[in-house]
């Protein structure tokens, strides 16, 4: 697979997003391959834990690849379908999913953080949503379940403001489980995986299903939210402004959407 590497060793499946030249941004092909990788975890009884990570030192993933945007409604619907499928595969694969993070974990990357069971970050990790910077919202599980992780006030801060949180701040908020120096990251992930693999497979499966049950109701809002995202992304003026500003290296100007009200763009 050109975008994703999958390795299985000793009960551990490691899934690596392998686009470091694009900061591991998620294009449609990447999503297809991630779905295939997590389907393998469903089908392989030897797999007891999945580690999801990104190649290189600069990013786990910066989220969707806005430099390779979907241009038609059909393309966007395919991408949304793959996001929905990937979320279901991660939540339903039956084994703990551990996120290994160096560098940026932003946008849809941060939604993968929310979907994963455990997150181990290097000191270089940076976490946060990107939706309101680009003209939409994180409707793929984050807006729905983030409050269960960090509380209502913090969740609204994360989603509304699209701030960036260094790894230690993310740890204090409850967004990650452990932070270690980058040079110790692999050893720390190995320790957590080894401990998981010493636990009962059926016990872990049942515990995971029980813990997920508390947020399973979120599915009811995800499908209509993503439908709105398809139409807004393709036809709405705000995504056009947000993505255009990003692609041209400038701050977005939302004043026309507020009928001229509000502050000017930042810097």
C-alpha atoms as a PDB file:
ATOM      1  CA  UNK A   1       0.000   0.000   0.000  1.00  0.00           C
ATOM      2  CA  UNK A   2       1.509   3.359  -0.984  1.00  0.00           C
ATOM      3  CA  UNK A   3       0.194   5.402   1.972  1.00  0.00           C
ATOM      4  CA  UNK A   4       0.087   2.994   4.931  1.00  0.00           C
ATOM      5  CA  UNK A   5       2.468   0.343   6.271  1.00  0.00           C
ATOM      6  CA  UNK A   6       1.181  -2.586   8.345  1.00  0.00           C
ATOM      7  CA  UNK A   7       3.432  -4.847  10.435  1.00  0.00           C
ATOM      8  CA  UNK A   8       2.371  -7.668  12.765  1.00  0.00           C
ATOM      9  CA  UNK A   9       4.781  -8.966  15.382  1.00  0.00           C
ATOM     10  CA  UNK A  10       4.144 -10.879  18.581  1.00  0.00           C
ATOM     11  CA  UNK A  11       0.474 -10.002  18.926  1.00  0.00           C
ATOM     12  CA  UNK A  12       0.965  -6.354  18.023  1.00  0.00           C
ATOM     13  CA  UNK A  13      -0.155  -4.812  14.745  1.00  0.00           C
ATOM     14  CA  UNK A  14       1.524  -1.501  13.926  1.00  0.00           C
ATOM     15  CA  UNK A  15      -0.230   0.727  11.399  1.00  0.00           C
ATOM     16  CA  UNK A  16       1.931   3.589  10.098  1.00  0.00           C
ATOM     17  CA  UNK A  17       0.631   6.451   7.981  1.00  0.00           C
ATOM     18  CA  UNK A  18       3.547   6.781   5.572  1.00  0.00           C
ATOM     19  CA  UNK A  19       3.312  10.214   3.954  1.00  0.00           C
ATOM     20  CA  UNK A  20       5.925  12.179   5.903  1.00  0.00           C
ATOM     21  CA  UNK A  21       6.492  14.525   2.945  1.00  0.00           C
ATOM     22  CA  UNK A  22       2.856  15.650   3.470  1.00  0.00           C
ATOM     23  CA  UNK A  23       3.013  15.542   7.277  1.00  0.00           C
ATOM     24  CA  UNK A  24       1.026  12.299   6.929  1.00  0.00           C
ATOM     25  CA  UNK A  25      -2.055  14.174   5.719  1.00  0.00           C
ATOM     26  CA  UNK A  26      -5.046  11.944   4.989  1.00  0.00           C
ATOM     27  CA  UNK A  27      -6.120  11.757   1.362  1.00  0.00           C
ATOM     28  CA  UNK A  28      -8.811   9.389   0.092  1.00  0.00           C
ATOM     29  CA  UNK A  29      -6.252   6.688  -0.712  1.00  0.00           C
ATOM     30  CA  UNK A  30      -4.868   6.912   2.822  1.00  0.00           C
ATOM     31  CA  UNK A  31      -8.328   6.375   4.270  1.00  0.00           C
ATOM     32  CA  UNK A  32      -8.912   3.337   2.057  1.00  0.00           C
ATOM     33  CA  UNK A  33      -5.675   1.792   3.296  1.00  0.00           C
ATOM     34  CA  UNK A  34      -6.385   2.608   6.950  1.00  0.00           C
ATOM     35  CA  UNK A  35      -9.770   0.904   6.623  1.00  0.00           C
ATOM     36  CA  UNK A  36      -8.036  -2.148   5.172  1.00  0.00           C
ATOM     37  CA  UNK A  37      -5.464  -2.147   7.973  1.00  0.00           C
ATOM     38  CA  UNK A  38      -8.081  -2.070  10.733  1.00  0.00           C
ATOM     39  CA  UNK A  39     -10.180  -4.694   8.946  1.00  0.00           C
ATOM     40  CA  UNK A  40      -7.116  -6.956   9.227  1.00  0.00           C
ATOM     41  CA  UNK A  41      -7.148  -6.456  13.005  1.00  0.00           C
ATOM     42  CA  UNK A  42     -10.772  -7.629  13.054  1.00  0.00           C
ATOM     43  CA  UNK A  43      -9.883 -10.755  11.086  1.00  0.00           C
ATOM     44  CA  UNK A  44      -6.616 -11.799  12.766  1.00  0.00           C
ATOM     45  CA  UNK A  45      -7.132 -13.542  16.129  1.00  0.00           C
ATOM     46  CA  UNK A  46      -3.399 -13.295  16.815  1.00  0.00           C
ATOM     47  CA  UNK A  47      -3.598  -9.484  17.076  1.00  0.00           C
ATOM     48  CA  UNK A  48      -4.054  -8.299  20.657  1.00  0.00           C
ATOM     49  CA  UNK A  49      -3.235  -4.606  20.314  1.00  0.00           C
ATOM     50  CA  UNK A  50      -3.002  -2.103  17.453  1.00  0.00           C
ATOM     51  CA  UNK A  51      -0.525   0.779  17.441  1.00  0.00           C
ATOM     52  CA  UNK A  52      -1.449   3.630  15.097  1.00  0.00           C
ATOM     53  CA  UNK A  53       1.309   6.105  14.265  1.00  0.00           C
ATOM     54  CA  UNK A  54       2.795   8.332  11.581  1.00  0.00           C
ATOM     55  CA  UNK A  55       6.108   8.144   9.747  1.00  0.00           C
ATOM     56  CA  UNK A  56       8.824  10.671  10.431  1.00  0.00           C
ATOM     57  CA  UNK A  57       9.446  13.064  13.305  1.00  0.00           C
ATOM     58  CA  UNK A  58       7.254  16.034  12.371  1.00  0.00           C
ATOM     59  CA  UNK A  59       3.699  14.696  12.591  1.00  0.00           C
ATOM     60  CA  UNK A  60       1.411  11.844  13.493  1.00  0.00           C
ATOM     61  CA  UNK A  61      -0.973  13.447  10.983  1.00  0.00           C
ATOM     62  CA  UNK A  62      -2.174  16.966  10.337  1.00  0.00           C
ATOM     63  CA  UNK A  63      -5.602  15.653   9.293  1.00  0.00           C
ATOM     64  CA  UNK A  64      -7.235  15.888   5.902  1.00  0.00           C
ATOM     65  CA  UNK A  65      -5.022  16.814   2.976  1.00  0.00           C
ATOM     66  CA  UNK A  66      -6.466  20.208   2.033  1.00  0.00           C
ATOM     67  CA  UNK A  67      -3.815  20.577  -0.666  1.00  0.00           C
ATOM     68  CA  UNK A  68      -5.421  17.634  -2.473  1.00  0.00           C
ATOM     69  CA  UNK A  69      -9.096  18.529  -1.956  1.00  0.00           C
ATOM     70  CA  UNK A  70     -12.081  16.556  -3.151  1.00  0.00           C
ATOM     71  CA  UNK A  71     -13.629  18.496  -6.031  1.00  0.00           C
ATOM     72  CA  UNK A  72     -16.903  16.740  -6.766  1.00  0.00           C
ATOM     73  CA  UNK A  73     -19.815  15.641  -4.613  1.00  0.00           C
ATOM     74  CA  UNK A  74     -19.076  12.010  -5.466  1.00  0.00           C
ATOM     75  CA  UNK A  75     -15.441  12.334  -4.391  1.00  0.00           C
ATOM     76  CA  UNK A  76     -16.413  14.025  -1.150  1.00  0.00           C
ATOM     77  CA  UNK A  77     -19.069  11.417  -0.366  1.00  0.00           C
ATOM     78  CA  UNK A  78     -16.556   8.635  -0.915  1.00  0.00           C
ATOM     79  CA  UNK A  79     -14.152  10.299   1.478  1.00  0.00           C
ATOM     80  CA  UNK A  80     -16.845  10.814   4.105  1.00  0.00           C
ATOM     81  CA  UNK A  81     -17.953   7.180   3.747  1.00  0.00           C
ATOM     82  CA  UNK A  82     -14.372   6.071   4.370  1.00  0.00           C
ATOM     83  CA  UNK A  83     -14.094   8.270   7.468  1.00  0.00           C
ATOM     84  CA  UNK A  84     -17.326   6.780   8.826  1.00  0.00           C
ATOM     85  CA  UNK A  85     -16.130   3.236   8.071  1.00  0.00           C
ATOM     86  CA  UNK A  86     -12.740   3.864   9.669  1.00  0.00           C
ATOM     87  CA  UNK A  87     -14.371   5.149  12.844  1.00  0.00           C
ATOM     88  CA  UNK A  88     -16.510   2.029  13.094  1.00  0.00           C
ATOM     89  CA  UNK A  89     -13.536  -0.244  12.436  1.00  0.00           C
ATOM     90  CA  UNK A  90     -11.469   1.439  15.151  1.00  0.00           C
ATOM     91  CA  UNK A  91     -14.255   1.345  17.741  1.00  0.00           C
ATOM     92  CA  UNK A  92     -15.295  -2.196  16.885  1.00  0.00           C
ATOM     93  CA  UNK A  93     -12.013  -4.008  16.242  1.00  0.00           C
ATOM     94  CA  UNK A  94     -12.125  -5.695  19.664  1.00  0.00           C
ATOM     95  CA  UNK A  95      -8.578  -4.892  20.787  1.00  0.00           C
ATOM     96  CA  UNK A  96      -7.094  -1.755  22.368  1.00  0.00           C
ATOM     97  CA  UNK A  97      -5.860   0.863  19.900  1.00  0.00           C
ATOM     98  CA  UNK A  98      -2.802   2.806  21.074  1.00  0.00           C
ATOM     99  CA  UNK A  99      -1.879   6.069  19.376  1.00  0.00           C
ATOM    100  CA  UNK A 100       1.862   6.818  19.163  1.00  0.00           C
ATOM    101  CA  UNK A 101       2.415  10.552  18.544  1.00  0.00           C
ATOM    102  CA  UNK A 102       5.377  12.659  17.575  1.00  0.00           C
ATOM    103  CA  UNK A 103       4.787  16.191  16.327  1.00  0.00           C
ATOM    104  CA  UNK A 104       1.460  17.403  15.010  1.00  0.00           C
ATOM    105  CA  UNK A 105      -1.783  15.602  15.859  1.00  0.00           C
ATOM    106  CA  UNK A 106      -4.269  18.030  14.358  1.00  0.00           C
ATOM    107  CA  UNK A 107      -7.769  18.102  12.841  1.00  0.00           C
ATOM    108  CA  UNK A 108      -8.854  14.628  11.736  1.00  0.00           C
ATOM    109  CA  UNK A 109      -5.601  13.443  13.326  1.00  0.00           C
ATOM    110  CA  UNK A 110      -6.895  14.660  16.659  1.00  0.00           C
ATOM    111  CA  UNK A 111     -10.219  12.955  15.987  1.00  0.00           C
ATOM    112  CA  UNK A 112      -8.207   9.740  15.643  1.00  0.00           C
ATOM    113  CA  UNK A 113      -6.787  10.600  19.047  1.00  0.00           C
ATOM    114  CA  UNK A 114     -10.323  10.813  20.434  1.00  0.00           C
ATOM    115  CA  UNK A 115     -11.269   7.508  18.771  1.00  0.00           C
ATOM    116  CA  UNK A 116      -8.223   5.638  20.081  1.00  0.00           C
ATOM    117  CA  UNK A 117      -8.207   3.946  23.479  1.00  0.00           C
ATOM    118  CA  UNK A 118      -4.822   5.154  24.705  1.00  0.00           C
ATOM    119  CA  UNK A 119      -2.383   7.828  23.543  1.00  0.00           C
ATOM    120  CA  UNK A 120       1.353   7.896  24.232  1.00  0.00           C
ATOM    121  CA  UNK A 121       3.050  11.086  23.086  1.00  0.00           C
ATOM    122  CA  UNK A 122       6.579  12.315  22.767  1.00  0.00           C
ATOM    123  CA  UNK A 123       7.434  15.753  24.137  1.00  0.00           C
ATOM    124  CA  UNK A 124       7.138  17.081  20.576  1.00  0.00           C
ATOM    125  CA  UNK A 125       3.436  16.211  20.371  1.00  0.00           C
ATOM    126  CA  UNK A 126       1.005  19.026  19.573  1.00  0.00           C
ATOM    127  CA  UNK A 127      -2.744  18.395  19.706  1.00  0.00           C
ATOM    128  CA  UNK A 128      -5.823  20.277  18.543  1.00  0.00           C
ATOM    129  CA  UNK A 129      -8.772  20.587  16.199  1.00  0.00           C
ATOM    130  CA  UNK A 130      -8.742  22.673  13.016  1.00  0.00           C
ATOM    131  CA  UNK A 131     -12.370  22.882  11.901  1.00  0.00           C
ATOM    132  CA  UNK A 132     -13.209  26.451  12.873  1.00  0.00           C
ATOM    133  CA  UNK A 133      -9.983  27.672  11.263  1.00  0.00           C
ATOM    134  CA  UNK A 134     -11.100  26.164   7.954  1.00  0.00           C
ATOM    135  CA  UNK A 135     -14.846  26.737   7.872  1.00  0.00           C
ATOM    136  CA  UNK A 136     -16.395  23.606   9.369  1.00  0.00           C
ATOM    137  CA  UNK A 137     -16.530  21.573  12.603  1.00  0.00           C
ATOM    138  CA  UNK A 138     -15.069  18.254  13.853  1.00  0.00           C
ATOM    139  CA  UNK A 139     -18.212  16.150  13.316  1.00  0.00           C
ATOM    140  CA  UNK A 140     -16.432  12.762  13.161  1.00  0.00           C
ATOM    141  CA  UNK A 141     -16.758  11.708  16.833  1.00  0.00           C
ATOM    142  CA  UNK A 142     -14.798  14.586  18.416  1.00  0.00           C
ATOM    143  CA  UNK A 143     -17.625  17.096  18.856  1.00  0.00           C
ATOM    144  CA  UNK A 144     -19.841  14.267  20.027  1.00  0.00           C
ATOM    145  CA  UNK A 145     -17.648  12.559  22.644  1.00  0.00           C
ATOM    146  CA  UNK A 146     -14.781  14.906  23.545  1.00  0.00           C
ATOM    147  CA  UNK A 147     -16.695  16.251  26.555  1.00  0.00           C
ATOM    148  CA  UNK A 148     -16.650  12.744  28.055  1.00  0.00           C
ATOM    149  CA  UNK A 149     -12.848  12.881  27.977  1.00  0.00           C
ATOM    150  CA  UNK A 150     -12.059  16.397  29.137  1.00  0.00           C
ATOM    151  CA  UNK A 151     -15.326  17.892  30.434  1.00  0.00           C
ATOM    152  CA  UNK A 152     -17.810  20.254  28.824  1.00  0.00           C
ATOM    153  CA  UNK A 153     -15.903  23.520  29.219  1.00  0.00           C
ATOM    154  CA  UNK A 154     -12.612  22.158  27.943  1.00  0.00           C
ATOM    155  CA  UNK A 155     -14.290  20.349  25.046  1.00  0.00           C
ATOM    156  CA  UNK A 156     -15.963  23.563  23.929  1.00  0.00           C
ATOM    157  CA  UNK A 157     -12.635  25.366  24.156  1.00  0.00           C
ATOM    158  CA  UNK A 158     -10.903  22.721  22.042  1.00  0.00           C
ATOM    159  CA  UNK A 159     -13.656  22.632  19.384  1.00  0.00           C
ATOM    160  CA  UNK A 160     -14.593  26.324  19.222  1.00  0.00           C
ATOM    161  CA  UNK A 161     -11.116  27.883  19.315  1.00  0.00           C
ATOM    162  CA  UNK A 162      -9.023  25.294  17.428  1.00  0.00           C
ATOM    163  CA  UNK A 163      -6.056  26.041  19.667  1.00  0.00           C
ATOM    164  CA  UNK A 164      -2.806  24.055  19.702  1.00  0.00           C
ATOM    165  CA  UNK A 165      -1.910  22.201  22.911  1.00  0.00           C
ATOM    166  CA  UNK A 166       1.636  20.965  23.630  1.00  0.00           C
ATOM    167  CA  UNK A 167       1.868  17.400  24.841  1.00  0.00           C
ATOM    168  CA  UNK A 168       2.191  18.287  28.533  1.00  0.00           C
ATOM    169  CA  UNK A 169      -0.886  20.538  28.373  1.00  0.00           C
ATOM    170  CA  UNK A 170      -2.781  17.784  26.555  1.00  0.00           C
ATOM    171  CA  UNK A 171      -1.785  15.357  29.319  1.00  0.00           C
ATOM    172  CA  UNK A 172      -3.077  17.716  32.017  1.00  0.00           C
ATOM    173  CA  UNK A 173      -6.398  17.998  30.147  1.00  0.00           C
ATOM    174  CA  UNK A 174      -6.837  14.255  29.781  1.00  0.00           C
ATOM    175  CA  UNK A 175      -6.313  14.153  26.014  1.00  0.00           C
ATOM    176  CA  UNK A 176      -3.348  11.743  26.326  1.00  0.00           C
ATOM    177  CA  UNK A 177      -2.250   9.062  28.782  1.00  0.00           C
ATOM    178  CA  UNK A 178       1.512   9.583  28.960  1.00  0.00           C
ATOM    179  CA  UNK A 179       4.202  11.953  27.694  1.00  0.00           C
ATOM    180  CA  UNK A 180       7.868  10.985  27.458  1.00  0.00           C
ATOM    181  CA  UNK A 181      10.967  12.398  25.752  1.00  0.00           C
ATOM    182  CA  UNK A 182      10.855  11.650  22.038  1.00  0.00           C
ATOM    183  CA  UNK A 183      13.861   9.365  22.322  1.00  0.00           C
ATOM    184  CA  UNK A 184      11.994   7.183  24.829  1.00  0.00           C
ATOM    185  CA  UNK A 185       8.700   7.056  22.916  1.00  0.00           C
ATOM    186  CA  UNK A 186       9.150   3.673  21.256  1.00  0.00           C
ATOM    187  CA  UNK A 187      10.231   2.022  24.506  1.00  0.00           C
ATOM    188  CA  UNK A 188       7.232   3.487  26.324  1.00  0.00           C
ATOM    189  CA  UNK A 189       4.815   2.282  23.647  1.00  0.00           C
ATOM    190  CA  UNK A 190       6.467  -1.152  23.844  1.00  0.00           C
ATOM    191  CA  UNK A 191       5.878  -1.232  27.612  1.00  0.00           C
ATOM    192  CA  UNK A 192       2.199  -0.342  27.319  1.00  0.00           C
ATOM    193  CA  UNK A 193       1.659  -2.902  24.552  1.00  0.00           C
ATOM    194  CA  UNK A 194       3.461  -5.617  26.501  1.00  0.00           C
ATOM    195  CA  UNK A 195       1.244  -4.938  29.510  1.00  0.00           C
ATOM    196  CA  UNK A 196      -1.898  -5.103  27.365  1.00  0.00           C
ATOM    197  CA  UNK A 197      -0.782  -8.397  25.854  1.00  0.00           C
ATOM    198  CA  UNK A 198      -0.455  -9.867  29.358  1.00  0.00           C
ATOM    199  CA  UNK A 199      -4.168  -9.306  29.947  1.00  0.00           C
ATOM    200  CA  UNK A 200      -7.144 -11.510  29.034  1.00  0.00           C
ATOM    201  CA  UNK A 201      -8.134 -11.076  25.357  1.00  0.00           C
ATOM    202  CA  UNK A 202     -11.813 -11.693  26.092  1.00  0.00           C
ATOM    203  CA  UNK A 203     -11.687  -9.472  29.157  1.00  0.00           C
ATOM    204  CA  UNK A 204     -10.244  -6.623  27.081  1.00  0.00           C
ATOM    205  CA  UNK A 205     -12.825  -7.134  24.346  1.00  0.00           C
ATOM    206  CA  UNK A 206     -15.729  -7.047  26.794  1.00  0.00           C
ATOM    207  CA  UNK A 207     -14.303  -4.096  28.720  1.00  0.00           C
ATOM    208  CA  UNK A 208     -13.813  -2.145  25.511  1.00  0.00           C
ATOM    209  CA  UNK A 209     -17.370  -2.850  24.362  1.00  0.00           C
ATOM    210  CA  UNK A 210     -18.702  -1.703  27.724  1.00  0.00           C
ATOM    211  CA  UNK A 211     -16.674   1.492  27.747  1.00  0.00           C
ATOM    212  CA  UNK A 212     -17.696   2.300  24.161  1.00  0.00           C
ATOM    213  CA  UNK A 213     -21.372   1.711  24.971  1.00  0.00           C
ATOM    214  CA  UNK A 214     -21.496   4.973  26.892  1.00  0.00           C
ATOM    215  CA  UNK A 215     -20.846   6.966  23.709  1.00  0.00           C
ATOM    216  CA  UNK A 216     -22.451   4.702  21.105  1.00  0.00           C
ATOM    217  CA  UNK A 217     -25.439   7.059  21.007  1.00  0.00           C
ATOM    218  CA  UNK A 218     -23.166   9.585  19.249  1.00  0.00           C
ATOM    219  CA  UNK A 219     -23.653   7.713  15.967  1.00  0.00           C
ATOM    220  CA  UNK A 220     -27.115   9.247  15.674  1.00  0.00           C
ATOM    221  CA  UNK A 221     -25.623  12.682  15.045  1.00  0.00           C
ATOM    222  CA  UNK A 222     -22.530  11.735  13.037  1.00  0.00           C
ATOM    223  CA  UNK A 223     -24.242  10.732   9.774  1.00  0.00           C
ATOM    224  CA  UNK A 224     -26.378  13.903   9.395  1.00  0.00           C
ATOM    225  CA  UNK A 225     -23.432  16.044  10.504  1.00  0.00           C
ATOM    226  CA  UNK A 226     -21.219  14.545   7.824  1.00  0.00           C
ATOM    227  CA  UNK A 227     -23.965  15.018   5.219  1.00  0.00           C
ATOM    228  CA  UNK A 228     -24.016  18.719   6.055  1.00  0.00           C
ATOM    229  CA  UNK A 229     -20.226  18.683   5.854  1.00  0.00           C
ATOM    230  CA  UNK A 230     -20.342  17.294   2.295  1.00  0.00           C
ATOM    231  CA  UNK A 231     -22.637  20.044   1.069  1.00  0.00           C
ATOM    232  CA  UNK A 232     -20.967  22.831   3.033  1.00  0.00           C
ATOM    233  CA  UNK A 233     -17.452  21.775   2.049  1.00  0.00           C
ATOM    234  CA  UNK A 234     -18.317  21.827  -1.653  1.00  0.00           C
ATOM    235  CA  UNK A 235     -20.682  24.770  -1.858  1.00  0.00           C
ATOM    236  CA  UNK A 236     -20.299  26.858   1.304  1.00  0.00           C
ATOM    237  CA  UNK A 237     -18.412  30.172   1.268  1.00  0.00           C
ATOM    238  CA  UNK A 238     -16.712  29.569   4.602  1.00  0.00           C
ATOM    239  CA  UNK A 239     -14.780  26.397   3.660  1.00  0.00           C
ATOM    240  CA  UNK A 240     -13.824  28.144   0.418  1.00  0.00           C
ATOM    241  CA  UNK A 241     -12.390  31.037   2.430  1.00  0.00           C
ATOM    242  CA  UNK A 242     -10.776  28.849   5.104  1.00  0.00           C
ATOM    243  CA  UNK A 243      -9.106  26.397   2.719  1.00  0.00           C
ATOM    244  CA  UNK A 244      -8.147  29.165   0.289  1.00  0.00           C
ATOM    245  CA  UNK A 245      -6.519  31.141   3.070  1.00  0.00           C
ATOM    246  CA  UNK A 246      -4.579  28.069   4.219  1.00  0.00           C
ATOM    247  CA  UNK A 247      -3.412  27.259   0.706  1.00  0.00           C
ATOM    248  CA  UNK A 248      -2.197  30.830   0.175  1.00  0.00           C
ATOM    249  CA  UNK A 249      -0.558  31.173   3.581  1.00  0.00           C
ATOM    250  CA  UNK A 250      -2.796  33.960   4.870  1.00  0.00           C
ATOM    251  CA  UNK A 251      -5.269  34.356   7.714  1.00  0.00           C
ATOM    252  CA  UNK A 252      -8.922  33.771   6.772  1.00  0.00           C
ATOM    253  CA  UNK A 253     -11.243  36.770   6.769  1.00  0.00           C
ATOM    254  CA  UNK A 254     -14.644  35.858   8.203  1.00  0.00           C
ATOM    255  CA  UNK A 255     -15.939  39.449   8.323  1.00  0.00           C
ATOM    256  CA  UNK A 256     -18.096  39.165   5.168  1.00  0.00           C
ATOM    257  CA  UNK A 257     -19.873  36.173   6.745  1.00  0.00           C
ATOM    258  CA  UNK A 258     -20.689  38.395   9.744  1.00  0.00           C
ATOM    259  CA  UNK A 259     -21.849  41.237   7.531  1.00  0.00           C
ATOM    260  CA  UNK A 260     -18.680  43.162   8.151  1.00  0.00           C
ATOM    261  CA  UNK A 261     -18.676  42.711  11.919  1.00  0.00           C
ATOM    262  CA  UNK A 262     -15.940  41.282  14.056  1.00  0.00           C
ATOM    263  CA  UNK A 263     -12.149  41.645  14.265  1.00  0.00           C
ATOM    264  CA  UNK A 264      -9.860  41.641  11.219  1.00  0.00           C
ATOM    265  CA  UNK A 265      -7.780  38.546  10.381  1.00  0.00           C
ATOM    266  CA  UNK A 266      -4.897  37.696  12.666  1.00  0.00           C
ATOM    267  CA  UNK A 267      -1.377  38.702  11.665  1.00  0.00           C
END
